[in-house]
Protein backbone atom coordinates (compact mmCIF):
# COMPACT_ATOMS: atom_id res chain seq x y z
CA UNK A 1 -11.79 39.21 -6.00
CA UNK A 2 -11.02 36.65 -3.34
CA UNK A 3 -14.64 36.12 -2.32
CA UNK A 4 -15.84 34.88 -5.72
CA UNK A 5 -15.95 31.20 -6.69
CA UNK A 6 -14.30 30.42 -10.02
CA UNK A 7 -14.89 27.19 -11.99
CA UNK A 8 -12.66 26.22 -14.92
CA UNK A 9 -11.96 23.21 -17.05
CA UNK A 10 -9.55 20.66 -15.58
CA UNK A 11 -5.95 21.36 -16.54
CA UNK A 12 -3.04 18.93 -16.21
CA UNK A 13 -0.05 20.49 -14.52
CA UNK A 14 3.45 19.05 -14.71
CA UNK A 15 5.43 20.74 -12.00
CA UNK A 16 8.95 20.65 -10.67
CA UNK A 17 7.68 21.57 -7.23
CA UNK A 18 7.75 18.78 -4.68
CA UNK A 19 4.56 17.17 -3.44
CA UNK A 20 5.03 15.72 0.05
CA UNK A 21 5.42 12.03 -0.78
CA UNK A 22 6.34 10.51 2.54
CA UNK A 23 7.29 7.43 4.50
CA UNK A 24 3.60 6.85 5.21
CA UNK A 25 2.88 6.85 1.47
CA UNK A 26 5.45 4.20 0.59
CA UNK A 27 4.58 1.99 3.55
CA UNK A 28 1.32 1.05 1.89
CA UNK A 29 3.40 -0.43 -0.94
CA UNK A 30 5.72 -2.54 1.23
CA UNK A 31 3.56 -3.88 4.08
CA UNK A 32 3.35 -7.68 3.74
CA UNK A 33 -0.07 -9.21 3.03
CA UNK A 34 -1.13 -12.83 2.61
CA UNK A 35 -2.29 -13.14 -0.99
CA UNK A 36 -2.39 -16.14 -3.29
CA UNK A 37 -4.29 -19.25 -4.29
CA UNK A 38 -6.69 -20.95 -1.88
CA UNK A 39 -4.23 -23.74 -1.04
CA UNK A 40 -1.39 -21.26 -0.56
CA UNK A 41 -3.34 -18.98 1.80
CA UNK A 42 -4.97 -21.89 3.67
CA UNK A 43 -1.47 -22.94 4.77
CA UNK A 44 -0.42 -19.44 5.82
CA UNK A 45 1.74 -18.97 2.72
CA UNK A 46 4.39 -21.35 4.10
CA UNK A 47 5.46 -22.77 0.72
CA UNK A 48 9.07 -21.67 0.37
CA UNK A 49 10.29 -25.28 0.82
CA UNK A 50 7.37 -26.95 -0.96
CA UNK A 51 6.53 -25.48 -4.35
CA UNK A 52 4.01 -27.28 -6.50
CA UNK A 53 1.50 -24.42 -6.23
CA UNK A 54 1.07 -21.57 -8.70
CA UNK A 55 1.18 -18.88 -6.00
CA UNK A 56 4.18 -20.52 -4.35
CA UNK A 57 6.16 -19.66 -7.47
CA UNK A 58 5.86 -15.93 -6.72
CA UNK A 59 7.87 -16.46 -3.51
CA UNK A 60 10.31 -19.14 -4.67
CA UNK A 61 10.79 -19.71 -8.42
CA UNK A 62 12.24 -23.18 -7.75
CA UNK A 63 8.71 -24.25 -6.83
CA UNK A 64 7.85 -24.40 -10.55
CA UNK A 65 10.23 -27.34 -11.02
CA UNK A 66 8.41 -29.35 -8.34
CA UNK A 67 5.32 -29.73 -10.56
CA UNK A 68 4.97 -33.21 -12.04
CA UNK A 69 2.55 -32.11 -14.75
CA UNK A 70 1.74 -28.96 -16.66
CA UNK A 71 -1.06 -27.06 -14.93
CA UNK A 72 -3.34 -24.05 -15.24
CA UNK A 73 -5.29 -22.45 -12.41
CA UNK A 74 -7.15 -19.36 -11.24
CA UNK A 75 -8.49 -17.85 -8.01
CA UNK A 76 -11.22 -15.43 -7.01
CA UNK A 77 -11.68 -13.87 -3.60
CA UNK A 78 -14.21 -12.06 -1.44
CA UNK A 79 -12.93 -9.68 1.24
CA UNK A 80 -14.76 -8.21 4.23
CA UNK A 81 -12.93 -5.43 6.07
CA UNK A 82 -13.81 -3.80 9.37
CA UNK A 83 -11.61 -0.77 10.03
CA UNK A 84 -11.54 0.81 13.50
CA UNK A 85 -10.07 4.33 13.58
CA UNK A 86 -9.11 5.71 17.00
CA UNK A 87 -8.55 9.47 17.24
CA UNK A 88 -8.01 11.17 20.61
CA UNK A 89 -9.67 8.32 22.47
CA UNK A 90 -12.70 8.00 20.21
CA UNK A 91 -13.01 4.78 18.13
CA UNK A 92 -15.22 4.61 15.08
CA UNK A 93 -15.74 1.45 12.94
CA UNK A 94 -16.41 1.32 9.18
CA UNK A 95 -17.16 -1.83 7.15
CA UNK A 96 -16.30 -2.37 3.49
CA UNK A 97 -16.42 -5.31 1.09
CA UNK A 98 -14.88 -6.21 -2.24
CA UNK A 99 -14.85 -9.04 -4.76
CA UNK A 100 -11.70 -9.54 -6.82
CA UNK A 101 -10.09 -11.75 -9.44
CA UNK A 102 -7.12 -12.79 -7.32
CA UNK A 103 -4.77 -14.98 -9.34
CA UNK A 104 -4.18 -16.70 -12.66
CA UNK A 105 -1.22 -18.84 -13.66
CA UNK A 106 0.12 -21.73 -15.63
CA UNK A 107 3.20 -23.93 -15.64
CA UNK A 108 4.60 -25.94 -18.53
CA UNK A 109 6.69 -28.96 -17.51
CA UNK A 110 9.25 -30.22 -20.04
CA UNK A 111 10.72 -33.58 -19.09
CA UNK A 112 14.16 -34.55 -20.33
CA UNK A 113 13.63 -37.82 -22.17
CA UNK A 114 17.19 -38.09 -23.49
CA UNK A 115 18.45 -39.60 -20.25
CA UNK A 116 21.98 -38.27 -20.69
CA UNK A 117 21.65 -34.97 -18.78
CA UNK A 118 21.85 -34.14 -15.11
CA UNK A 119 18.82 -31.87 -15.49
CA UNK A 120 15.75 -34.12 -15.37
CA UNK A 121 13.18 -31.50 -16.33
CA UNK A 122 12.66 -27.81 -16.99
CA UNK A 123 9.58 -25.72 -16.16
CA UNK A 124 8.33 -22.50 -17.70
CA UNK A 125 5.68 -20.64 -15.72
CA UNK A 126 3.62 -17.46 -15.65
CA UNK A 127 1.59 -16.17 -12.71
CA UNK A 128 -0.56 -13.07 -12.26
CA UNK A 129 -1.14 -12.19 -8.64
CA UNK A 130 -2.69 -9.49 -6.49
CA UNK A 131 0.02 -8.59 -3.99
CA UNK A 132 -2.04 -5.97 -2.15
CA UNK A 133 -5.65 -4.81 -2.37
CA UNK A 134 -6.52 -1.33 -1.11
CA UNK A 135 -10.32 -1.44 -1.11
CA UNK A 136 -11.14 -0.13 2.36
CA UNK A 137 -12.20 3.02 4.17
CA UNK A 138 -12.06 4.56 7.61
CA UNK A 139 -13.62 7.45 9.52
CA UNK A 140 -11.74 9.20 12.34
CA UNK A 141 -13.93 11.37 14.55
CA UNK A 142 -12.83 13.25 17.64
CA UNK A 143 -11.97 16.53 19.31
CA UNK A 144 -8.42 17.69 18.71
CA UNK A 145 -7.24 19.87 21.61
CA UNK A 146 -3.95 20.81 19.97
CA UNK A 147 -4.16 21.48 16.25
CA UNK A 148 -6.50 22.29 13.39
CA UNK A 149 -6.53 23.01 9.68
CA UNK A 150 -5.08 26.45 10.35
CA UNK A 151 -1.90 24.75 11.60
CA UNK A 152 -1.64 22.80 8.35
CA UNK A 153 -1.88 25.91 6.19
CA UNK A 154 0.31 28.01 8.49
CA UNK A 155 3.07 25.38 8.23
CA UNK A 156 3.30 25.98 4.47
CA UNK A 157 2.41 29.69 4.44
CA UNK A 158 5.01 31.07 6.85
CA UNK A 159 7.91 32.08 4.66
CA UNK A 160 5.81 32.49 1.47
CA UNK A 161 5.67 36.11 0.21
CA UNK A 162 2.19 37.63 0.34
CA UNK A 163 2.46 38.84 -3.25
CA UNK A 164 2.61 35.19 -4.37
CA UNK A 165 -0.75 34.17 -2.92
CA UNK A 166 -2.91 37.21 -3.52
CA UNK A 167 -4.81 37.55 -6.80
CA UNK A 168 -4.40 40.34 -9.35
CA UNK A 169 -7.05 42.12 -11.44
CA UNK A 170 -9.78 39.52 -10.98
CA UNK A 171 -7.39 36.76 -12.04
CA UNK A 172 -9.16 33.36 -11.82
CA UNK A 173 -8.17 31.35 -8.77
CA UNK A 174 -7.38 28.36 -10.97
CA UNK A 175 -4.84 30.42 -12.94
CA UNK A 176 -3.09 31.55 -9.76
CA UNK A 177 -3.08 28.04 -8.30
CA UNK A 178 -1.70 26.60 -11.53
CA UNK A 179 0.98 29.30 -11.78
CA UNK A 180 2.13 28.67 -8.22
CA UNK A 181 2.47 24.96 -8.87
CA UNK A 182 4.48 25.54 -12.03
CA UNK A 183 6.75 28.22 -10.58
CA UNK A 184 6.71 28.13 -6.75
CA UNK A 185 5.82 24.57 -5.77
CA UNK A 186 3.50 22.72 -3.44
CA UNK A 187 4.07 24.91 -0.35
CA UNK A 188 2.91 28.06 -2.13
CA UNK A 189 -0.18 26.26 -3.45
CA UNK A 190 -1.16 25.23 0.09
CA UNK A 191 -0.57 28.76 1.38
CA UNK A 192 -2.76 30.01 -1.46
CA UNK A 193 -5.63 27.64 -0.56
CA UNK A 194 -5.44 28.59 3.11
CA UNK A 195 -5.51 32.30 2.41
CA UNK A 196 -8.11 32.26 -0.37
CA UNK A 197 -10.28 30.03 1.85
CA UNK A 198 -9.95 32.57 4.68
CA UNK A 199 -8.44 30.00 7.07
CA UNK A 200 -5.30 32.13 7.51
CA UNK A 201 -4.49 35.81 7.15
CA UNK A 202 -1.22 37.70 6.56
CA UNK A 203 0.20 39.67 9.46
CA UNK A 204 0.53 42.52 6.98
CA UNK A 205 -0.91 43.01 3.49
CA UNK A 206 2.39 44.42 2.28
CA UNK A 207 3.95 42.42 -0.57
CA UNK A 208 7.05 41.62 1.44
CA UNK A 209 5.10 39.96 4.26
CA UNK A 210 5.99 36.29 4.93
CA UNK A 211 4.21 35.74 8.27
CA UNK A 212 0.62 34.55 8.75
CA UNK A 213 -1.85 33.96 11.59
CA UNK A 214 -4.99 31.89 12.04
CA UNK A 215 -8.31 33.37 11.00
CA UNK A 216 -10.51 30.31 11.53
CA UNK A 217 -9.41 29.62 15.12
CA UNK A 218 -7.71 32.75 16.52
CA UNK A 219 -8.17 31.60 20.13
CA UNK A 220 -6.33 28.32 19.42
CA UNK A 221 -9.06 26.31 21.12
CA UNK A 222 -10.00 22.65 20.53
CA UNK A 223 -11.84 21.77 17.32
CA UNK A 224 -13.94 18.82 16.21
CA UNK A 225 -12.64 16.69 13.32
CA UNK A 226 -14.52 14.31 11.05
CA UNK A 227 -11.94 12.74 8.74
CA UNK A 228 -13.13 10.21 6.15
CA UNK A 229 -10.71 8.28 3.93
CA UNK A 230 -11.63 6.00 1.02
CA UNK A 231 -8.92 3.87 -0.62
CA UNK A 232 -9.24 1.78 -3.76
CA UNK A 233 -6.84 0.01 -6.09
CA UNK A 234 -4.37 -2.83 -6.11
CA UNK A 235 -0.73 -3.78 -6.51
CA UNK A 236 -0.31 -6.63 -8.99
CA UNK A 237 2.64 -8.81 -9.91
CA UNK A 238 3.28 -10.61 -13.20
CA UNK A 239 5.87 -13.34 -12.76
CA UNK A 240 7.78 -15.10 -15.55
CA UNK A 241 9.66 -18.16 -14.33
CA UNK A 242 12.39 -20.47 -15.54
CA UNK A 243 13.07 -23.44 -13.25
CA UNK A 244 14.80 -26.81 -13.46
CA UNK A 245 15.27 -30.02 -11.48
CA UNK A 246 18.90 -31.06 -11.10
CA UNK A 247 19.35 -34.77 -10.45
CA UNK A 248 16.87 -36.11 -7.90
CA UNK A 249 17.22 -33.67 -5.03
CA UNK A 250 17.75 -30.08 -6.17
CA UNK A 251 15.33 -27.59 -7.72
CA UNK A 252 16.49 -24.17 -8.94
CA UNK A 253 14.60 -21.22 -10.37
CA UNK A 254 14.63 -17.61 -11.58
CA UNK A 255 11.73 -15.12 -11.61
CA UNK A 256 11.52 -11.93 -13.62
CA UNK A 257 8.69 -9.79 -12.24
CA UNK A 258 6.80 -6.79 -13.53
CA UNK A 259 4.75 -4.85 -10.99
CA UNK A 260 1.78 -2.57 -11.56
CA UNK A 261 0.44 -0.10 -9.02
CA UNK A 262 -2.94 1.64 -9.22
CA UNK A 263 -4.06 3.41 -6.07
CA UNK A 264 -6.67 6.07 -5.33
CA UNK A 265 -7.16 7.82 -2.02
CA UNK A 266 -9.78 10.45 -1.24
CA UNK A 267 -9.51 12.09 2.16
CA UNK A 268 -12.06 14.61 3.36
CA UNK A 269 -11.68 16.57 6.59
CA UNK A 270 -14.58 18.54 8.06
CA UNK A 271 -13.57 20.76 10.97
CA UNK A 272 -16.12 22.55 13.18
CA UNK A 273 -17.02 23.43 16.77
CA UNK A 274 -14.83 26.52 16.80
CA UNK A 275 -14.71 28.60 19.95
CA UNK A 276 -16.54 31.86 20.63
CA UNK A 277 -13.67 33.90 19.19
CA UNK A 278 -14.24 32.49 15.69
CA UNK A 279 -16.74 33.47 12.98
CA UNK A 280 -16.38 30.05 11.31
CA UNK A 281 -19.12 27.41 11.25
CA UNK A 282 -17.07 24.71 9.53
CA UNK A 283 -14.19 24.14 7.10
CA UNK A 284 -14.02 21.28 4.60
CA UNK A 285 -10.75 20.31 2.93
CA UNK A 286 -10.50 17.46 0.42
CA UNK A 287 -7.54 15.84 -1.34
CA UNK A 288 -7.95 13.29 -4.11
CA UNK A 289 -4.76 11.40 -4.90
CA UNK A 290 -4.37 8.95 -7.78
CA UNK A 291 -1.11 6.99 -8.01
CA UNK A 292 0.00 4.80 -10.90
CA UNK A 293 3.34 3.12 -11.31
CA UNK A 294 5.34 0.30 -12.80
CA UNK A 295 8.18 -1.66 -11.26
CA UNK A 296 10.64 -4.44 -11.90
CA UNK A 297 12.24 -7.06 -9.65
CA UNK A 298 13.84 -10.47 -9.87
CA UNK A 299 14.04 -13.53 -7.62
CA UNK A 300 16.39 -16.47 -7.21
CA UNK A 301 15.45 -19.61 -5.33
CA UNK A 302 16.21 -23.19 -4.57
CA UNK A 303 14.60 -26.21 -2.91
CA UNK A 304 16.70 -29.10 -1.64
CA UNK A 305 15.21 -32.53 -1.01
CA UNK A 306 17.34 -33.78 1.90
CA UNK A 307 15.55 -37.15 1.99
CA UNK A 308 12.09 -38.55 1.38
CA UNK A 309 10.66 -36.48 4.22
CA UNK A 310 12.62 -33.24 4.58
CA UNK A 311 12.63 -30.25 2.19
CA UNK A 312 14.70 -27.07 2.60
CA UNK A 313 13.89 -23.88 0.67
CA UNK A 314 15.70 -20.57 0.19
CA UNK A 315 14.91 -17.54 -1.95
CA UNK A 316 16.00 -13.97 -2.52
CA UNK A 317 13.78 -11.19 -3.87
CA UNK A 318 15.53 -8.10 -5.13
CA UNK A 319 14.25 -4.60 -4.37
CA UNK A 320 11.34 -3.50 -6.53
CA UNK A 321 12.38 -0.46 -8.54
CA UNK A 322 9.28 1.68 -9.14
CA UNK A 323 8.60 4.60 -11.46
CA UNK A 324 5.58 6.43 -10.05
CA UNK A 325 3.21 9.23 -11.00
CA UNK A 326 0.92 11.01 -8.55
CA UNK A 327 -2.05 13.14 -9.57
CA UNK A 328 -3.46 15.43 -6.87
CA UNK A 329 -6.73 17.37 -6.92
CA UNK A 330 -7.73 19.68 -4.03
CA UNK A 331 -10.53 21.98 -2.89
CA UNK A 332 -11.50 23.86 0.27
CA UNK A 333 -14.87 25.17 1.51
CA UNK A 334 -15.20 27.55 4.46
CA UNK A 335 -18.55 28.45 6.02
CA UNK A 336 -18.67 31.59 8.17
CA UNK A 337 -21.30 33.78 9.74
CA UNK A 338 -21.19 36.08 6.69
CA UNK A 339 -21.36 33.37 4.02
CA UNK A 340 -19.65 30.39 2.42
CA UNK A 341 -16.58 30.46 0.18
CA UNK A 342 -15.38 27.67 -2.09
CA UNK A 343 -11.90 27.48 -3.61
CA UNK A 344 -11.97 24.70 -6.19
CA UNK A 345 -9.21 25.26 -8.78
CA UNK A 346 -10.00 21.98 -10.61
CA UNK A 347 -6.32 21.79 -11.50
CA UNK A 348 -4.59 18.42 -11.34
CA UNK A 349 -1.01 18.51 -10.08
CA UNK A 350 1.15 15.74 -11.56
CA UNK A 351 4.36 14.57 -9.87
CA UNK A 352 6.81 11.95 -11.16
CA UNK A 353 9.25 10.20 -8.84
CA UNK A 354 11.06 6.90 -8.26
CA UNK A 355 11.50 4.75 -5.18
CA UNK A 356 12.63 1.25 -4.29
CA UNK A 357 11.42 -1.30 -1.75
CA UNK A 358 13.74 -3.41 0.43
CA UNK A 359 14.91 -6.86 -0.66
CA UNK A 360 13.46 -9.98 1.01
CA UNK A 361 15.31 -13.10 2.17
CA UNK A 362 13.20 -16.19 2.80
CA UNK A 363 14.00 -19.60 4.22
CA UNK A 364 11.94 -22.57 5.22
CA UNK A 365 11.72 -26.20 6.19
CA UNK A 366 9.03 -28.76 5.37
CA UNK A 367 8.40 -32.29 6.57
CA UNK A 368 6.45 -34.68 4.33
CA UNK A 369 4.45 -37.50 5.94
CA UNK A 370 4.39 -39.68 2.84
CA UNK A 371 1.00 -39.42 1.14
CA UNK A 372 -0.79 -38.46 4.38
CA UNK A 373 0.21 -34.83 4.60
CA UNK A 374 2.88 -32.32 5.49
CA UNK A 375 3.89 -29.48 7.79
CA UNK A 376 5.84 -26.43 6.66
CA UNK A 377 7.63 -23.51 8.34
CA UNK A 378 8.83 -20.32 6.65
CA UNK A 379 10.47 -17.06 7.71
CA UNK A 380 10.74 -13.95 5.54
CA UNK A 381 13.17 -11.20 6.55
CA UNK A 382 13.41 -7.67 5.21
CA UNK A 383 15.24 -4.47 6.22
CA UNK A 384 12.43 -1.95 5.82
CA UNK A 385 14.76 0.93 6.66
CA UNK A 386 16.30 0.36 3.21
CA UNK A 387 13.14 1.61 1.50
CA UNK A 388 14.13 4.83 -0.23
CA UNK A 389 13.17 7.56 -2.65
CA UNK A 390 15.45 8.36 -5.55
CA UNK A 391 17.34 11.55 -4.64
CA UNK A 392 19.43 11.86 -7.81
CA UNK A 393 17.72 15.23 -8.50
CA UNK A 394 18.64 16.49 -5.02
CA UNK A 395 15.01 16.89 -3.94
CA UNK A 396 15.04 18.15 -0.33
CA UNK A 397 11.73 16.49 0.56
CA UNK A 398 12.96 13.07 -0.60
CA UNK A 399 16.25 13.51 1.27
CA UNK A 400 14.30 14.30 4.45
CA UNK A 401 11.93 11.37 3.93
CA UNK A 402 14.81 8.94 3.42
CA UNK A 403 16.29 10.14 6.71
CA UNK A 404 12.92 9.66 8.40
CA UNK A 405 12.62 6.15 6.96
CA UNK A 406 16.04 5.15 8.31
CA UNK A 407 15.20 6.66 11.70
CA UNK A 408 11.74 5.13 12.15
CA UNK A 409 11.67 1.83 10.27
CA UNK A 410 13.50 -1.35 11.21
CA UNK A 411 14.27 -4.88 10.07
CA UNK A 412 11.41 -7.29 10.66
CA UNK A 413 10.26 -10.74 9.67
CA UNK A 414 7.14 -12.70 8.90
CA UNK A 415 6.73 -16.16 10.43
CA UNK A 416 4.52 -18.56 8.48
CA UNK A 417 3.36 -22.01 9.53
CA UNK A 418 1.12 -24.38 7.59
CA UNK A 419 -0.03 -27.95 7.49
CA UNK A 420 -2.03 -30.28 5.26
CA UNK A 421 -3.70 -33.62 6.01
CA UNK A 422 -5.04 -35.83 3.24
CA UNK A 423 -7.96 -38.26 3.47
CA UNK A 424 -8.21 -40.05 0.13
CA UNK A 425 -9.13 -37.25 -2.33
CA UNK A 426 -9.87 -34.69 0.39
CA UNK A 427 -7.28 -32.33 1.89
CA UNK A 428 -7.67 -30.40 5.14
CA UNK A 429 -5.40 -27.41 5.72
CA UNK A 430 -4.58 -24.86 8.41
CA UNK A 431 -2.02 -22.12 8.85
CA UNK A 432 -0.79 -19.13 10.82
CA UNK A 433 1.27 -16.03 10.05
CA UNK A 434 2.72 -13.28 12.22
CA UNK A 435 4.44 -10.16 10.95
CA UNK A 436 6.69 -8.28 13.37
CA UNK A 437 6.32 -4.51 13.62
CA UNK A 438 8.25 -2.71 10.91
CA UNK A 439 8.10 0.60 12.80
CA UNK A 440 10.28 1.46 15.81
CA UNK A 441 7.92 4.06 17.26
CA UNK A 442 4.46 2.50 16.84
CA UNK A 443 2.82 -0.81 16.02
CA UNK A 444 2.87 -1.63 12.32
CA UNK A 445 2.18 -5.36 12.21
CA UNK A 446 -0.25 -8.11 11.25
CA UNK A 447 -1.18 -11.67 12.12
CA UNK A 448 -3.79 -14.19 11.14
CA UNK A 449 -5.21 -17.68 11.19
CA UNK A 450 -6.04 -19.60 8.03
CA UNK A 451 -7.84 -22.75 7.06
CA UNK A 452 -9.23 -24.54 4.06
CA UNK A 453 -9.96 -27.73 2.20
CA UNK A 454 -9.54 -29.20 -1.24
CA UNK A 455 -10.85 -32.00 -3.41
CA UNK A 456 -8.84 -33.73 -6.14
CA UNK A 457 -11.04 -34.86 -9.04
CA UNK A 458 -8.11 -36.56 -10.74
CA UNK A 459 -7.57 -34.20 -13.65
CA UNK A 460 -8.48 -31.06 -11.70
CA UNK A 461 -8.55 -29.74 -8.13
CA UNK A 462 -10.97 -27.44 -6.29
CA UNK A 463 -9.60 -25.58 -3.26
CA UNK A 464 -11.29 -23.28 -0.73
CA UNK A 465 -9.74 -21.18 2.00
CA UNK A 466 -10.77 -18.78 4.75
CA UNK A 467 -8.35 -16.26 6.27
CA UNK A 468 -8.95 -14.11 9.34
CA UNK A 469 -6.33 -11.39 9.66
CA UNK A 470 -5.64 -8.37 11.84
CA UNK A 471 -3.59 -5.41 10.62
CA UNK A 472 -2.44 -2.60 12.93
CA UNK A 473 -0.72 0.65 12.05
CA UNK A 474 -1.01 4.42 12.48
CA UNK A 475 -1.45 7.20 9.93
CA UNK A 476 -1.23 10.93 10.36
CA UNK A 477 -3.98 13.20 9.04
CA UNK A 478 -1.39 15.21 7.10
CA UNK A 479 2.37 14.99 6.91
CA UNK A 480 2.91 18.57 8.12
CA UNK A 481 1.13 20.97 10.45
CA UNK A 482 -1.84 18.79 11.41
CA UNK A 483 0.14 15.64 12.19
CA UNK A 484 -1.86 13.97 14.96
CA UNK A 485 -1.92 10.17 14.55
CA UNK A 486 -4.93 7.98 13.84
CA UNK A 487 -4.56 4.44 15.15
CA UNK A 488 -6.00 1.96 12.65
CA UNK A 489 -7.00 -1.62 13.36
CA UNK A 490 -8.31 -3.64 10.41
CA UNK A 491 -10.01 -7.00 10.90
CA UNK A 492 -10.20 -8.79 7.57
CA UNK A 493 -11.96 -11.97 6.52
CA UNK A 494 -10.94 -13.30 3.12
CA UNK A 495 -12.63 -16.19 1.33
CA UNK A 496 -10.92 -17.68 -1.72
CA UNK A 497 -11.91 -20.25 -4.33
CA UNK A 498 -9.29 -21.77 -6.65
CA UNK A 499 -9.70 -24.19 -9.49
CA UNK A 500 -6.80 -25.80 -11.36
CA UNK A 501 -6.49 -28.55 -13.90
CA UNK A 502 -3.68 -30.55 -15.41
CA UNK A 503 -2.83 -29.95 -19.05
């Protein structure tokens, strides 16, 4: 019977049905962020023409050949996020904090002592780096005058035969939900949740019916939404580098990179304040998504020493080719005047897919003021519209998402500027970065100011940095049906401590 709550053991479901991976999902994997050692971030990440820093190697492998000595270093960070979510004119702030192990790396410098080769030295390097950290949360609260959860479920339900989503002979809800995922796909599962949760009803209870109407909000009036999202996880990069110095003025390098993605998102929507024509008190719908993946990329780079003062740097990063797995867990609770119903299948849907990020071209110029300091400029350029899902299986959702990516995303760059001034063993640093919007239709950008200092003990160096950044973008509540945007503005303060010593 539909009105009973059924609890079962968790079952893993491998399904050929398509989960709605979208442009918004992959954007979280490609948005640029300033991550690295304290010296690197204190100068805005403008190291493409400098090298000589462990985090600089991740952007330009030629930077490993700039080191004069073998070196080992590590970084920890503390992040404070304030996320403002604006939904239909109402802005709500949420604070979150995290403490992370940011970076670890080492470089081995092998000098050519034979004296009969054009290559003066070779460097081997390894660097582990957080590329993105997802530890934040936001809460969108507001009255939606246009759409509600019924629109989400109706989007998937219309066209689904009624006989697919009704239950038979006291069949457990989990069994039906699992069967639909294995044999009918994601749309039928969502129609099933909406119907079994009483949010929607069929126009007719005949098996051939494929049309549905709202039960929670039959008048179509405005509803109140309280949407809370918690995100955790990180995107890490392991870089293996081979670099060399050719004669006195040219440094060349190659990176082979392995990437690891671990991301968890829990979104919970509570909808209430239904009109007089509804018997509903509230509806709660939760999705828990866990994403894991591995990727590969490579980089080529060079630094040219034009004279004693001027350095020129160039690098190319290939696309990152990811193999991903999503695990999705859902439940819905509906409270009405005649009682409360819970549909909690406790079935995990598992979806495997591949996608690739766009390549990145970087160039920069640095001016060295002898032993007193330096100033550096860098520009990174990427065609974000080239982000794409693998459609070799002919998946309709991925084909549509690739078309949406090409239509909405654009080429954009990141400008980085940094400087360093040395006073004996002390170094003072400052920087700036500005990322252009990668979205044609809404702001999707970031900028920030950085600063820091360092002290050279002779055999080791201690560096500190402070970064204040602002990130702006929009996210939709769901990809279909209930698609109203939430404007997000994240103010982030990041404090890093790095310690390195010569080997």
